[in-house]
Amino acid sequence: MHEDFSINGLSPSEYCNQTPLDERMKAVQNEILSFSEDKLFNFQSSGTTGKPKQLQFSFNQLKASSEITHKAFNLSPKSKVLHALPMIYVAGKMMLYRSLIMGYDLWITEAK
């Protein structure tokens, strides 16, 4: 986890010590608490282009993807990024993981 990572204006430990307000917040807290470079990360595709698939990636694969996105959007640690995606699919989890790895100031909100 990058030292500059923050979530909704809080440190990861402050965010994770809050009582979860909903299932999404609980899912984000669980992902942060279980984040490890030694872990395999499980994803489910949305099924937009076919049958939903279960996918698994290593930390190094997540890091490589995060670095490409970081460079493509010319971001830096502490860049403010908005997260309004469901946490059950690849896009939602990757937004959190990119922020954890690259040190973004992540702001989570519900899509309306």
Protein backbone atom coordinates (compact mmCIF):
# COMPACT_ATOMS: atom_id res chain seq x y z
CA MET A 1 0.00 0.00 0.00
CA HIS A 2 1.39 3.38 -1.02
CA GLU A 3 2.10 5.76 1.88
CA ASP A 4 0.14 8.60 0.20
CA PHE A 5 -3.08 6.59 -0.23
CA SER A 6 -6.12 8.13 1.44
CA ILE A 7 -9.81 7.39 1.18
CA ASN A 8 -12.60 9.92 1.64
CA GLY A 9 -10.09 12.23 3.29
CA LEU A 10 -9.02 9.60 5.84
CA SER A 11 -6.02 7.35 6.30
CA PRO A 12 -6.71 3.69 5.49
CA SER A 13 -6.78 2.79 9.19
CA GLU A 14 -9.21 5.63 10.00
CA TYR A 15 -11.50 4.57 7.16
CA CYS A 16 -11.38 0.89 8.16
CA ASN A 17 -12.09 1.66 11.83
CA GLN A 18 -15.45 3.23 10.99
CA THR A 19 -18.65 1.25 11.36
CA PRO A 20 -19.66 0.31 7.80
CA LEU A 21 -22.68 2.28 6.63
CA ASP A 22 -23.57 -0.20 3.88
CA GLU A 23 -22.38 -3.31 2.06
CA ARG A 24 -20.24 -1.31 -0.33
CA MET A 25 -18.30 0.35 2.48
CA LYS A 26 -17.86 -3.03 4.15
CA ALA A 27 -16.52 -4.48 0.87
CA VAL A 28 -14.03 -1.60 0.49
CA GLN A 29 -12.87 -2.01 4.09
CA ASN A 30 -12.38 -5.76 3.57
CA GLU A 31 -10.35 -5.18 0.39
CA ILE A 32 -8.11 -2.63 2.14
CA LEU A 33 -7.58 -4.84 5.19
CA SER A 34 -6.74 -7.91 3.09
CA PHE A 35 -4.54 -6.06 0.57
CA SER A 36 -1.15 -7.76 0.28
CA GLU A 37 1.55 -8.14 -2.35
CA ASP A 38 1.53 -11.90 -1.66
CA LYS A 39 -2.17 -12.32 -2.39
CA LEU A 40 -3.92 -13.47 -5.56
CA PHE A 41 -6.74 -11.07 -6.43
CA ASN A 42 -10.09 -12.49 -7.56
CA PHE A 43 -12.42 -10.66 -9.94
CA GLN A 44 -15.67 -11.29 -11.73
CA SER A 45 -16.30 -9.79 -15.16
CA SER A 46 -19.64 -8.03 -15.65
CA GLY A 47 -20.72 -10.26 -18.52
CA THR A 48 -21.33 -7.29 -20.82
CA THR A 49 -19.73 -9.04 -23.79
CA GLY A 50 -20.58 -12.63 -22.87
CA LYS A 51 -20.96 -14.95 -19.93
CA PRO A 52 -19.47 -13.47 -16.69
CA LYS A 53 -16.05 -14.92 -15.93
CA GLN A 54 -14.00 -15.45 -12.80
CA LEU A 55 -10.52 -13.95 -13.14
CA GLN A 56 -7.44 -14.04 -10.93
CA PHE A 57 -4.41 -11.74 -11.01
CA SER A 58 -1.18 -11.41 -9.07
CA PHE A 59 -0.05 -8.21 -7.35
CA ASN A 60 2.56 -7.70 -10.09
CA GLN A 61 -0.15 -7.82 -12.76
CA LEU A 62 -2.25 -5.27 -10.83
CA LYS A 63 0.78 -3.05 -10.36
CA ALA A 64 1.68 -3.16 -14.07
CA SER A 65 -1.89 -2.24 -15.03
CA SER A 66 -1.93 0.55 -12.42
CA GLU A 67 1.34 2.00 -13.72
CA ILE A 68 0.04 2.08 -17.30
CA THR A 69 -3.14 3.89 -16.24
CA HIS A 70 -1.14 6.24 -13.99
CA LYS A 71 1.07 7.23 -16.91
CA ALA A 72 -1.75 7.43 -19.49
CA PHE A 73 -3.72 9.91 -17.36
CA ASN A 74 -0.61 11.77 -16.15
CA LEU A 75 -1.52 11.22 -12.49
CA SER A 76 0.70 11.50 -9.45
CA PRO A 77 0.52 10.34 -5.84
CA LYS A 78 -2.19 12.30 -3.99
CA SER A 79 -4.14 12.88 -7.23
CA LYS A 80 -7.84 13.10 -6.36
CA VAL A 81 -9.84 10.33 -8.02
CA LEU A 82 -13.56 9.57 -7.83
CA HIS A 83 -14.88 6.03 -7.35
CA ALA A 84 -18.55 5.50 -8.18
CA LEU A 85 -18.31 1.95 -9.55
CA PRO A 86 -19.73 -1.29 -8.10
CA MET A 87 -17.10 -3.19 -6.10
CA ILE A 88 -18.24 -6.59 -7.36
CA TYR A 89 -16.79 -6.13 -10.87
CA VAL A 90 -13.29 -5.64 -12.27
CA ALA A 91 -13.61 -1.88 -12.89
CA GLY A 92 -14.68 -1.13 -9.31
CA LYS A 93 -12.00 -3.24 -7.69
CA MET A 94 -9.29 -1.93 -10.02
CA MET A 95 -10.14 1.68 -9.15
CA LEU A 96 -9.50 0.85 -5.49
CA TYR A 97 -6.34 -1.17 -6.23
CA ARG A 98 -4.89 1.54 -8.49
CA SER A 99 -5.41 4.04 -5.70
CA LEU A 100 -3.82 1.75 -3.11
CA ILE A 101 -0.81 1.04 -5.32
CA MET A 102 -0.22 4.53 -6.76
CA GLY A 103 -1.15 6.58 -3.66
CA TYR A 104 -4.23 8.42 -4.87
CA ASP A 105 -6.65 10.44 -2.77
CA LEU A 106 -9.69 8.21 -3.45
CA TRP A 107 -13.21 9.55 -2.95
CA ILE A 108 -15.99 6.95 -2.92
CA THR A 109 -19.56 7.89 -3.73
CA GLU A 110 -22.66 6.14 -5.01
CA ALA A 111 -23.48 6.45 -8.71
CA LYS A 112 -26.85 8.14 -9.07
